[in-house]
Amino acid sequence: MLPEFKLVPTALSEDGEAMLDRPAGVWEELGERHQIGGSPKLQNTTWPSCPSCDEQMSFYGQLDGLPNSSEFDLADAGLILVYVCFGCFEVAATLDSA
């Protein structure tokens, strides 16, 4: 398993900065679950199989939603989960929600 690394988003524009601001009442962890390695932070995650070799793929990382972005919301506090087959170098991504 790949060790876990925390990813911290950095806005590169004023529009991006506004999306990182946490409005009152927004779930405290939303926008804080970006990572590479470790295990997915959702328990209901379906692990994909490699389309080339049919082996279970390895979890590579996840991207969280942004706390102040209704236009780009990820399905009710969802995460984009990225998987890779290190034997075939195939990749897959899923969108899962809590």
PDB file of N, CA and C in Angstrom:
ATOM      1  N   MET A   1       0.851  -1.183   0.000  1.00  0.00           N
ATOM      2  CA  MET A   1       0.000   0.000   0.000  1.00  0.00           C
ATOM      3  C   MET A   1       0.892   1.240   0.000  1.00  0.00           C
ATOM      4  N   LEU A   2       0.505   2.204  -0.789  1.00  0.00           N
ATOM      5  CA  LEU A   2       1.197   3.480  -0.862  1.00  0.00           C
ATOM      6  C   LEU A   2       0.973   4.239   0.455  1.00  0.00           C
ATOM      7  N   PRO A   3       2.031   4.793   1.077  1.00  0.00           N
ATOM      8  CA  PRO A   3       1.825   5.575   2.310  1.00  0.00           C
ATOM      9  C   PRO A   3       0.905   6.773   2.044  1.00  0.00           C
ATOM     10  N   GLU A   4       0.229   7.230   3.081  1.00  0.00           N
ATOM     11  CA  GLU A   4      -0.723   8.337   2.937  1.00  0.00           C
ATOM     12  C   GLU A   4      -0.023   9.688   3.012  1.00  0.00           C
ATOM     13  N   PHE A   5      -0.372  10.572   2.064  1.00  0.00           N
ATOM     14  CA  PHE A   5       0.107  11.953   2.031  1.00  0.00           C
ATOM     15  C   PHE A   5      -1.102  12.869   1.964  1.00  0.00           C
ATOM     16  N   LYS A   6      -1.133  13.911   2.762  1.00  0.00           N
ATOM     17  CA  LYS A   6      -2.219  14.894   2.718  1.00  0.00           C
ATOM     18  C   LYS A   6      -1.909  15.900   1.615  1.00  0.00           C
ATOM     19  N   LEU A   7      -2.910  16.209   0.827  1.00  0.00           N
ATOM     20  CA  LEU A   7      -2.802  17.243  -0.196  1.00  0.00           C
ATOM     21  C   LEU A   7      -3.573  18.468   0.281  1.00  0.00           C
ATOM     22  N   VAL A   8      -2.990  19.627   0.125  1.00  0.00           N
ATOM     23  CA  VAL A   8      -3.635  20.865   0.561  1.00  0.00           C
ATOM     24  C   VAL A   8      -3.841  21.753  -0.661  1.00  0.00           C
ATOM     25  N   PRO A   9      -5.105  22.015  -1.028  1.00  0.00           N
ATOM     26  CA  PRO A   9      -5.350  22.852  -2.207  1.00  0.00           C
ATOM     27  C   PRO A   9      -4.921  24.298  -1.964  1.00  0.00           C
ATOM     28  N   THR A  10      -4.333  24.885  -2.984  1.00  0.00           N
ATOM     29  CA  THR A  10      -3.926  26.282  -2.950  1.00  0.00           C
ATOM     30  C   THR A  10      -4.572  26.977  -4.136  1.00  0.00           C
ATOM     31  N   ALA A  11      -5.363  27.979  -3.875  1.00  0.00           N
ATOM     32  CA  ALA A  11      -6.043  28.705  -4.944  1.00  0.00           C
ATOM     33  C   ALA A  11      -5.031  29.534  -5.730  1.00  0.00           C
ATOM     34  N   LEU A  12      -5.199  29.555  -7.035  1.00  0.00           N
ATOM     35  CA  LEU A  12      -4.310  30.328  -7.905  1.00  0.00           C
ATOM     36  C   LEU A  12      -5.003  31.535  -8.516  1.00  0.00           C
ATOM     37  N   SER A  13      -6.218  31.813  -8.036  1.00  0.00           N
ATOM     38  CA  SER A  13      -6.966  32.985  -8.504  1.00  0.00           C
ATOM     39  C   SER A  13      -7.926  33.419  -7.404  1.00  0.00           C
ATOM     40  N   GLU A  14      -8.489  34.618  -7.559  1.00  0.00           N
ATOM     41  CA  GLU A  14      -9.478  35.101  -6.592  1.00  0.00           C
ATOM     42  C   GLU A  14     -10.730  34.229  -6.607  1.00  0.00           C
ATOM     43  N   ASP A  15     -11.133  33.766  -7.794  1.00  0.00           N
ATOM     44  CA  ASP A  15     -12.304  32.883  -7.883  1.00  0.00           C
ATOM     45  C   ASP A  15     -12.056  31.599  -7.102  1.00  0.00           C
ATOM     46  N   GLY A  16     -10.873  31.034  -7.241  1.00  0.00           N
ATOM     47  CA  GLY A  16     -10.517  29.831  -6.501  1.00  0.00           C
ATOM     48  C   GLY A  16     -10.478  30.073  -5.008  1.00  0.00           C
ATOM     49  N   GLU A  17      -9.944  31.205  -4.608  1.00  0.00           N
ATOM     50  CA  GLU A  17      -9.881  31.574  -3.184  1.00  0.00           C
ATOM     51  C   GLU A  17     -11.280  31.605  -2.582  1.00  0.00           C
ATOM     52  N   ALA A  18     -12.245  32.146  -3.306  1.00  0.00           N
ATOM     53  CA  ALA A  18     -13.626  32.224  -2.815  1.00  0.00           C
ATOM     54  C   ALA A  18     -14.213  30.826  -2.621  1.00  0.00           C
ATOM     55  N   MET A  19     -13.826  29.866  -3.472  1.00  0.00           N
ATOM     56  CA  MET A  19     -14.354  28.507  -3.344  1.00  0.00           C
ATOM     57  C   MET A  19     -13.774  27.773  -2.144  1.00  0.00           C
ATOM     58  N   LEU A  20     -12.651  28.220  -1.628  1.00  0.00           N
ATOM     59  CA  LEU A  20     -12.055  27.594  -0.459  1.00  0.00           C
ATOM     60  C   LEU A  20     -12.577  28.170   0.854  1.00  0.00           C
ATOM     61  N   ASP A  21     -13.240  29.341   0.797  1.00  0.00           N
ATOM     62  CA  ASP A  21     -13.832  29.925   2.001  1.00  0.00           C
ATOM     63  C   ASP A  21     -14.983  29.050   2.471  1.00  0.00           C
ATOM     64  N   ARG A  22     -15.020  28.751   3.769  1.00  0.00           N
ATOM     65  CA  ARG A  22     -16.065  27.876   4.322  1.00  0.00           C
ATOM     66  C   ARG A  22     -17.230  28.715   4.846  1.00  0.00           C
ATOM     67  N   PRO A  23     -18.388  28.644   4.176  1.00  0.00           N
ATOM     68  CA  PRO A  23     -19.562  29.358   4.685  1.00  0.00           C
ATOM     69  C   PRO A  23     -20.051  28.721   5.987  1.00  0.00           C
ATOM     70  N   ALA A  24     -20.790  29.484   6.762  1.00  0.00           N
ATOM     71  CA  ALA A  24     -21.366  28.954   7.999  1.00  0.00           C
ATOM     72  C   ALA A  24     -22.280  27.778   7.672  1.00  0.00           C
ATOM     73  N   GLY A  25     -22.218  26.745   8.481  1.00  0.00           N
ATOM     74  CA  GLY A  25     -23.084  25.596   8.333  1.00  0.00           C
ATOM     75  C   GLY A  25     -22.575  24.518   7.391  1.00  0.00           C
ATOM     76  N   VAL A  26     -21.439  24.747   6.738  1.00  0.00           N
ATOM     77  CA  VAL A  26     -20.885  23.723   5.838  1.00  0.00           C
ATOM     78  C   VAL A  26     -20.081  22.731   6.661  1.00  0.00           C
ATOM     79  N   TRP A  27     -20.258  21.452   6.345  1.00  0.00           N
ATOM     80  CA  TRP A  27     -19.593  20.363   7.050  1.00  0.00           C
ATOM     81  C   TRP A  27     -18.097  20.644   7.190  1.00  0.00           C
ATOM     82  N   GLU A  28     -17.593  20.518   8.399  1.00  0.00           N
ATOM     83  CA  GLU A  28     -16.220  20.904   8.749  1.00  0.00           C
ATOM     84  C   GLU A  28     -15.136  20.198   7.930  1.00  0.00           C
ATOM     85  N   GLU A  29     -15.342  18.919   7.551  1.00  0.00           N
ATOM     86  CA  GLU A  29     -14.312  18.173   6.831  1.00  0.00           C
ATOM     87  C   GLU A  29     -14.367  18.358   5.315  1.00  0.00           C
ATOM     88  N   LEU A  30     -15.440  18.948   4.788  1.00  0.00           N
ATOM     89  CA  LEU A  30     -15.565  19.123   3.348  1.00  0.00           C
ATOM     90  C   LEU A  30     -14.419  19.984   2.823  1.00  0.00           C
ATOM     91  N   GLY A  31     -13.716  19.470   1.831  1.00  0.00           N
ATOM     92  CA  GLY A  31     -12.576  20.183   1.261  1.00  0.00           C
ATOM     93  C   GLY A  31     -11.264  19.874   1.942  1.00  0.00           C
ATOM     94  N   GLU A  32     -11.285  19.006   2.973  1.00  0.00           N
ATOM     95  CA  GLU A  32     -10.069  18.683   3.734  1.00  0.00           C
ATOM     96  C   GLU A  32      -9.601  17.247   3.512  1.00  0.00           C
ATOM     97  N   ARG A  33     -10.283  16.469   2.669  1.00  0.00           N
ATOM     98  CA  ARG A  33      -9.986  15.039   2.547  1.00  0.00           C
ATOM     99  C   ARG A  33      -9.176  14.689   1.297  1.00  0.00           C
ATOM    100  N   HIS A  34      -8.466  15.649   0.718  1.00  0.00           N
ATOM    101  CA  HIS A  34      -7.606  15.376  -0.434  1.00  0.00           C
ATOM    102  C   HIS A  34      -6.405  14.566   0.050  1.00  0.00           C
ATOM    103  N   GLN A  35      -6.024  13.525  -0.688  1.00  0.00           N
ATOM    104  CA  GLN A  35      -4.853  12.744  -0.273  1.00  0.00           C
ATOM    105  C   GLN A  35      -4.325  11.894  -1.418  1.00  0.00           C
ATOM    106  N   ILE A  36      -3.077  11.466  -1.270  1.00  0.00           N
ATOM    107  CA  ILE A  36      -2.475  10.430  -2.108  1.00  0.00           C
ATOM    108  C   ILE A  36      -2.114   9.298  -1.164  1.00  0.00           C
ATOM    109  N   GLY A  37      -2.369   8.068  -1.581  1.00  0.00           N
ATOM    110  CA  GLY A  37      -2.022   6.893  -0.789  1.00  0.00           C
ATOM    111  C   GLY A  37      -2.991   6.637   0.347  1.00  0.00           C
ATOM    112  N   GLY A  38      -2.607   5.689   1.200  1.00  0.00           N
ATOM    113  CA  GLY A  38      -3.459   5.294   2.317  1.00  0.00           C
ATOM    114  C   GLY A  38      -4.672   4.517   1.829  1.00  0.00           C
ATOM    115  N   SER A  39      -5.806   4.739   2.458  1.00  0.00           N
ATOM    116  CA  SER A  39      -7.059   4.068   2.122  1.00  0.00           C
ATOM    117  C   SER A  39      -8.130   5.119   1.859  1.00  0.00           C
ATOM    118  N   PRO A  40      -9.131   4.789   1.043  1.00  0.00           N
ATOM    119  CA  PRO A  40     -10.230   5.740   0.816  1.00  0.00           C
ATOM    120  C   PRO A  40     -10.927   6.089   2.127  1.00  0.00           C
ATOM    121  N   LYS A  41     -11.405   7.312   2.233  1.00  0.00           N
ATOM    122  CA  LYS A  41     -12.073   7.774   3.449  1.00  0.00           C
ATOM    123  C   LYS A  41     -13.558   7.434   3.476  1.00  0.00           C
ATOM    124  N   LEU A  42     -14.068   6.764   2.456  1.00  0.00           N
ATOM    125  CA  LEU A  42     -15.463   6.333   2.444  1.00  0.00           C
ATOM    126  C   LEU A  42     -15.524   4.825   2.609  1.00  0.00           C
ATOM    127  N   GLN A  43     -16.428   4.349   3.434  1.00  0.00           N
ATOM    128  CA  GLN A  43     -16.539   2.922   3.714  1.00  0.00           C
ATOM    129  C   GLN A  43     -17.277   2.149   2.627  1.00  0.00           C
ATOM    130  N   ASN A  44     -18.108   2.823   1.836  1.00  0.00           N
ATOM    131  CA  ASN A  44     -18.921   2.130   0.835  1.00  0.00           C
ATOM    132  C   ASN A  44     -18.243   2.100  -0.538  1.00  0.00           C
ATOM    133  N   THR A  45     -16.929   2.193  -0.548  1.00  0.00           N
ATOM    134  CA  THR A  45     -16.167   2.272  -1.786  1.00  0.00           C
ATOM    135  C   THR A  45     -16.136   0.927  -2.519  1.00  0.00           C
ATOM    136  N   THR A  46     -16.396   0.962  -3.816  1.00  0.00           N
ATOM    137  CA  THR A  46     -16.277  -0.220  -4.671  1.00  0.00           C
ATOM    138  C   THR A  46     -14.920  -0.164  -5.362  1.00  0.00           C
ATOM    139  N   TRP A  47     -14.109  -1.196  -5.150  1.00  0.00           N
ATOM    140  CA  TRP A  47     -12.774  -1.223  -5.752  1.00  0.00           C
ATOM    141  C   TRP A  47     -12.871  -1.794  -7.158  1.00  0.00           C
ATOM    142  N   PRO A  48     -12.387  -1.067  -8.171  1.00  0.00           N
ATOM    143  CA  PRO A  48     -12.456  -1.579  -9.535  1.00  0.00           C
ATOM    144  C   PRO A  48     -11.391  -2.642  -9.814  1.00  0.00           C
ATOM    145  N   SER A  49     -11.658  -3.460 -10.828  1.00  0.00           N
ATOM    146  CA  SER A  49     -10.682  -4.418 -11.328  1.00  0.00           C
ATOM    147  C   SER A  49     -10.043  -3.846 -12.585  1.00  0.00           C
ATOM    148  N   CYS A  50      -8.801  -4.199 -12.829  1.00  0.00           N
ATOM    149  CA  CYS A  50      -8.072  -3.743 -14.010  1.00  0.00           C
ATOM    150  C   CYS A  50      -8.740  -4.308 -15.266  1.00  0.00           C
ATOM    151  N   PRO A  51      -9.012  -3.460 -16.262  1.00  0.00           N
ATOM    152  CA  PRO A  51      -9.634  -3.965 -17.485  1.00  0.00           C
ATOM    153  C   PRO A  51      -8.694  -4.851 -18.311  1.00  0.00           C
ATOM    154  N   SER A  52      -7.382  -4.773 -18.068  1.00  0.00           N
ATOM    155  CA  SER A  52      -6.424  -5.586 -18.830  1.00  0.00           C
ATOM    156  C   SER A  52      -6.157  -6.947 -18.202  1.00  0.00           C
ATOM    157  N   CYS A  53      -5.903  -6.967 -16.871  1.00  0.00           N
ATOM    158  CA  CYS A  53      -5.521  -8.232 -16.222  1.00  0.00           C
ATOM    159  C   CYS A  53      -6.584  -8.769 -15.261  1.00  0.00           C
ATOM    160  N   ASP A  54      -7.633  -7.992 -14.999  1.00  0.00           N
ATOM    161  CA  ASP A  54      -8.747  -8.366 -14.123  1.00  0.00           C
ATOM    162  C   ASP A  54      -8.369  -8.461 -12.643  1.00  0.00           C
ATOM    163  N   GLU A  55      -7.173  -7.997 -12.250  1.00  0.00           N
ATOM    164  CA  GLU A  55      -6.776  -7.957 -10.838  1.00  0.00           C
ATOM    165  C   GLU A  55      -7.376  -6.708 -10.194  1.00  0.00           C
ATOM    166  N   GLN A  56      -7.572  -6.766  -8.870  1.00  0.00           N
ATOM    167  CA  GLN A  56      -8.069  -5.592  -8.150  1.00  0.00           C
ATOM    168  C   GLN A  56      -7.030  -4.480  -8.248  1.00  0.00           C
ATOM    169  N   MET A  57      -7.487  -3.279  -8.565  1.00  0.00           N
ATOM    170  CA  MET A  57      -6.590  -2.138  -8.702  1.00  0.00           C
ATOM    171  C   MET A  57      -6.199  -1.602  -7.329  1.00  0.00           C
ATOM    172  N   SER A  58      -5.113  -0.853  -7.273  1.00  0.00           N
ATOM    173  CA  SER A  58      -4.637  -0.245  -6.026  1.00  0.00           C
ATOM    174  C   SER A  58      -5.198   1.163  -5.888  1.00  0.00           C
ATOM    175  N   PHE A  59      -5.599   1.511  -4.670  1.00  0.00           N
ATOM    176  CA  PHE A  59      -6.045   2.876  -4.397  1.00  0.00           C
ATOM    177  C   PHE A  59      -4.836   3.796  -4.488  1.00  0.00           C
ATOM    178  N   TYR A  60      -4.959   4.885  -5.256  1.00  0.00           N
ATOM    179  CA  TYR A  60      -3.850   5.821  -5.428  1.00  0.00           C
ATOM    180  C   TYR A  60      -4.098   7.153  -4.720  1.00  0.00           C
ATOM    181  N   GLY A  61      -5.337   7.626  -4.715  1.00  0.00           N
ATOM    182  CA  GLY A  61      -5.607   8.900  -4.051  1.00  0.00           C
ATOM    183  C   GLY A  61      -7.049   9.323  -4.196  1.00  0.00           C
ATOM    184  N   GLN A  62      -7.358  10.468  -3.583  1.00  0.00           N
ATOM    185  CA  GLN A  62      -8.728  10.985  -3.647  1.00  0.00           C
ATOM    186  C   GLN A  62      -8.722  12.501  -3.680  1.00  0.00           C
ATOM    187  N   LEU A  63      -9.734  13.038  -4.335  1.00  0.00           N
ATOM    188  CA  LEU A  63      -9.952  14.480  -4.394  1.00  0.00           C
ATOM    189  C   LEU A  63     -11.301  14.779  -3.769  1.00  0.00           C
ATOM    190  N   ASP A  64     -11.318  15.767  -2.900  1.00  0.00           N
ATOM    191  CA  ASP A  64     -12.532  16.172  -2.194  1.00  0.00           C
ATOM    192  C   ASP A  64     -13.196  17.318  -2.948  1.00  0.00           C
ATOM    193  N   GLY A  65     -14.415  17.619  -2.575  1.00  0.00           N
ATOM    194  CA  GLY A  65     -15.111  18.778  -3.113  1.00  0.00           C
ATOM    195  C   GLY A  65     -14.552  20.058  -2.506  1.00  0.00           C
ATOM    196  N   LEU A  66     -15.113  21.175  -2.919  1.00  0.00           N
ATOM    197  CA  LEU A  66     -14.708  22.473  -2.389  1.00  0.00           C
ATOM    198  C   LEU A  66     -15.815  22.985  -1.474  1.00  0.00           C
ATOM    199  N   PRO A  67     -15.463  23.560  -0.334  1.00  0.00           N
ATOM    200  CA  PRO A  67     -16.478  23.923   0.665  1.00  0.00           C
ATOM    201  C   PRO A  67     -17.461  25.010   0.223  1.00  0.00           C
ATOM    202  N   ASN A  68     -17.102  25.829  -0.760  1.00  0.00           N
ATOM    203  CA  ASN A  68     -17.981  26.927  -1.163  1.00  0.00           C
ATOM    204  C   ASN A  68     -18.182  26.888  -2.679  1.00  0.00           C
ATOM    205  N   SER A  69     -18.710  25.765  -3.173  1.00  0.00           N
ATOM    206  CA  SER A  69     -18.853  25.611  -4.616  1.00  0.00           C
ATOM    207  C   SER A  69     -20.077  24.771  -4.960  1.00  0.00           C
ATOM    208  N   SER A  70     -21.243  25.367  -4.950  1.00  0.00           N
ATOM    209  CA  SER A  70     -22.443  24.610  -5.296  1.00  0.00           C
ATOM    210  C   SER A  70     -22.444  24.209  -6.768  1.00  0.00           C
ATOM    211  N   GLU A  71     -21.808  24.988  -7.617  1.00  0.00           N
ATOM    212  CA  GLU A  71     -21.762  24.682  -9.047  1.00  0.00           C
ATOM    213  C   GLU A  71     -20.934  23.426  -9.338  1.00  0.00           C
ATOM    214  N   PHE A  72     -19.889  23.185  -8.541  1.00  0.00           N
ATOM    215  CA  PHE A  72     -19.003  22.042  -8.759  1.00  0.00           C
ATOM    216  C   PHE A  72     -19.080  21.044  -7.606  1.00  0.00           C
ATOM    217  N   ASP A  73     -20.239  20.948  -6.972  1.00  0.00           N
ATOM    218  CA  ASP A  73     -20.445  20.034  -5.848  1.00  0.00           C
ATOM    219  C   ASP A  73     -20.264  18.585  -6.301  1.00  0.00           C
ATOM    220  N   LEU A  74     -19.661  17.760  -5.450  1.00  0.00           N
ATOM    221  CA  LEU A  74     -19.418  16.355  -5.771  1.00  0.00           C
ATOM    222  C   LEU A  74     -20.432  15.442  -5.076  1.00  0.00           C
ATOM    223  N   ALA A  75     -21.651  15.483  -5.509  1.00  0.00           N
ATOM    224  CA  ALA A  75     -22.675  14.524  -5.088  1.00  0.00           C
ATOM    225  C   ALA A  75     -22.758  14.310  -3.587  1.00  0.00           C
ATOM    226  N   ASP A  76     -23.235  15.300  -2.862  1.00  0.00           N
ATOM    227  CA  ASP A  76     -23.468  15.158  -1.422  1.00  0.00           C
ATOM    228  C   ASP A  76     -22.204  14.764  -0.658  1.00  0.00           C
ATOM    229  N   ALA A  77     -21.226  15.656  -0.629  1.00  0.00           N
ATOM    230  CA  ALA A  77     -19.955  15.452   0.086  1.00  0.00           C
ATOM    231  C   ALA A  77     -19.174  14.267  -0.477  1.00  0.00           C
ATOM    232  N   GLY A  78     -19.202  14.122  -1.785  1.00  0.00           N
ATOM    233  CA  GLY A  78     -18.528  13.004  -2.429  1.00  0.00           C
ATOM    234  C   GLY A  78     -17.039  13.195  -2.590  1.00  0.00           C
ATOM    235  N   LEU A  79     -16.392  12.112  -3.000  1.00  0.00           N
ATOM    236  CA  LEU A  79     -14.953  12.102  -3.269  1.00  0.00           C
ATOM    237  C   LEU A  79     -14.716  11.465  -4.635  1.00  0.00           C
ATOM    238  N   ILE A  80     -13.755  11.989  -5.366  1.00  0.00           N
ATOM    239  CA  ILE A  80     -13.273  11.322  -6.572  1.00  0.00           C
ATOM    240  C   ILE A  80     -12.132  10.421  -6.123  1.00  0.00           C
ATOM    241  N   LEU A  81     -12.287   9.117  -6.337  1.00  0.00           N
ATOM    242  CA  LEU A  81     -11.292   8.131  -5.928  1.00  0.00           C
ATOM    243  C   LEU A  81     -10.549   7.648  -7.162  1.00  0.00           C
ATOM    244  N   VAL A  82      -9.222   7.627  -7.088  1.00  0.00           N
ATOM    245  CA  VAL A  82      -8.381   7.252  -8.218  1.00  0.00           C
ATOM    246  C   VAL A  82      -7.673   5.939  -7.898  1.00  0.00           C
ATOM    247  N   TYR A  83      -7.707   5.018  -8.861  1.00  0.00           N
ATOM    248  CA  TYR A  83      -7.093   3.697  -8.702  1.00  0.00           C
ATOM    249  C   TYR A  83      -6.122   3.452  -9.851  1.00  0.00           C
ATOM    250  N   VAL A  84      -5.098   2.621  -9.613  1.00  0.00           N
ATOM    251  CA  VAL A  84      -4.128   2.277 -10.647  1.00  0.00           C
ATOM    252  C   VAL A  84      -3.772   0.798 -10.543  1.00  0.00           C
ATOM    253  N   CYS A  85      -3.524   0.183 -11.687  1.00  0.00           N
ATOM    254  CA  CYS A  85      -2.959  -1.163 -11.722  1.00  0.00           C
ATOM    255  C   CYS A  85      -1.478  -0.970 -12.010  1.00  0.00           C
ATOM    256  N   PHE A  86      -0.636  -1.280 -11.040  1.00  0.00           N
ATOM    257  CA  PHE A  86       0.794  -1.054 -11.198  1.00  0.00           C
ATOM    258  C   PHE A  86       1.436  -2.076 -12.142  1.00  0.00           C
ATOM    259  N   GLY A  87       0.718  -3.157 -12.460  1.00  0.00           N
ATOM    260  CA  GLY A  87       1.232  -4.132 -13.416  1.00  0.00           C
ATOM    261  C   GLY A  87       0.980  -3.717 -14.856  1.00  0.00           C
ATOM    262  N   CYS A  88      -0.174  -3.132 -15.108  1.00  0.00           N
ATOM    263  CA  CYS A  88      -0.575  -2.777 -16.479  1.00  0.00           C
ATOM    264  C   CYS A  88      -0.572  -1.265 -16.731  1.00  0.00           C
ATOM    265  N   PHE A  89      -0.490  -0.479 -15.674  1.00  0.00           N
ATOM    266  CA  PHE A  89      -0.574   0.982 -15.742  1.00  0.00           C
ATOM    267  C   PHE A  89      -1.896   1.464 -16.312  1.00  0.00           C
ATOM    268  N   GLU A  90      -2.951   0.731 -15.995  1.00  0.00           N
ATOM    269  CA  GLU A  90      -4.310   1.187 -16.280  1.00  0.00           C
ATOM    270  C   GLU A  90      -4.761   2.032 -15.087  1.00  0.00           C
ATOM    271  N   VAL A  91      -5.621   3.012 -15.341  1.00  0.00           N
ATOM    272  CA  VAL A  91      -6.158   3.834 -14.260  1.00  0.00           C
ATOM    273  C   VAL A  91      -7.676   3.840 -14.337  1.00  0.00           C
ATOM    274  N   ALA A  92      -8.297   4.118 -13.188  1.00  0.00           N
ATOM    275  CA  ALA A  92      -9.752   4.236 -13.100  1.00  0.00           C
ATOM    276  C   ALA A  92     -10.083   5.258 -12.025  1.00  0.00           C
ATOM    277  N   ALA A  93     -11.223   5.886 -12.158  1.00  0.00           N
ATOM    278  CA  ALA A  93     -11.689   6.827 -11.142  1.00  0.00           C
ATOM    279  C   ALA A  93     -13.173   6.594 -10.911  1.00  0.00           C
ATOM    280  N   THR A  94     -13.583   6.775  -9.654  1.00  0.00           N
ATOM    281  CA  THR A  94     -15.000   6.676  -9.304  1.00  0.00           C
ATOM    282  C   THR A  94     -15.386   7.923  -8.516  1.00  0.00           C
ATOM    283  N   LEU A  95     -16.662   8.213  -8.510  1.00  0.00           N
ATOM    284  CA  LEU A  95     -17.207   9.290  -7.683  1.00  0.00           C
ATOM    285  C   LEU A  95     -18.124   8.631  -6.664  1.00  0.00           C
ATOM    286  N   ASP A  96     -17.728   8.674  -5.410  1.00  0.00           N
ATOM    287  CA  ASP A  96     -18.512   8.073  -4.331  1.00  0.00           C
ATOM    288  C   ASP A  96     -18.959   9.150  -3.357  1.00  0.00           C
ATOM    289  N   SER A  97     -20.093   8.943  -2.721  1.00  0.00           N
ATOM    290  CA  SER A  97     -20.555   9.897  -1.718  1.00  0.00           C
ATOM    291  C   SER A  97     -20.857   9.191  -0.415  1.00  0.00           C
ATOM    292  N   ALA A  98     -20.830   9.978   0.644  1.00  0.00           N
ATOM    293  CA  ALA A  98     -21.022   9.437   1.992  1.00  0.00           C
ATOM    294  C   ALA A  98     -22.444   8.990   2.223  1.00  0.00           C
TER     295      ALA A  98
END
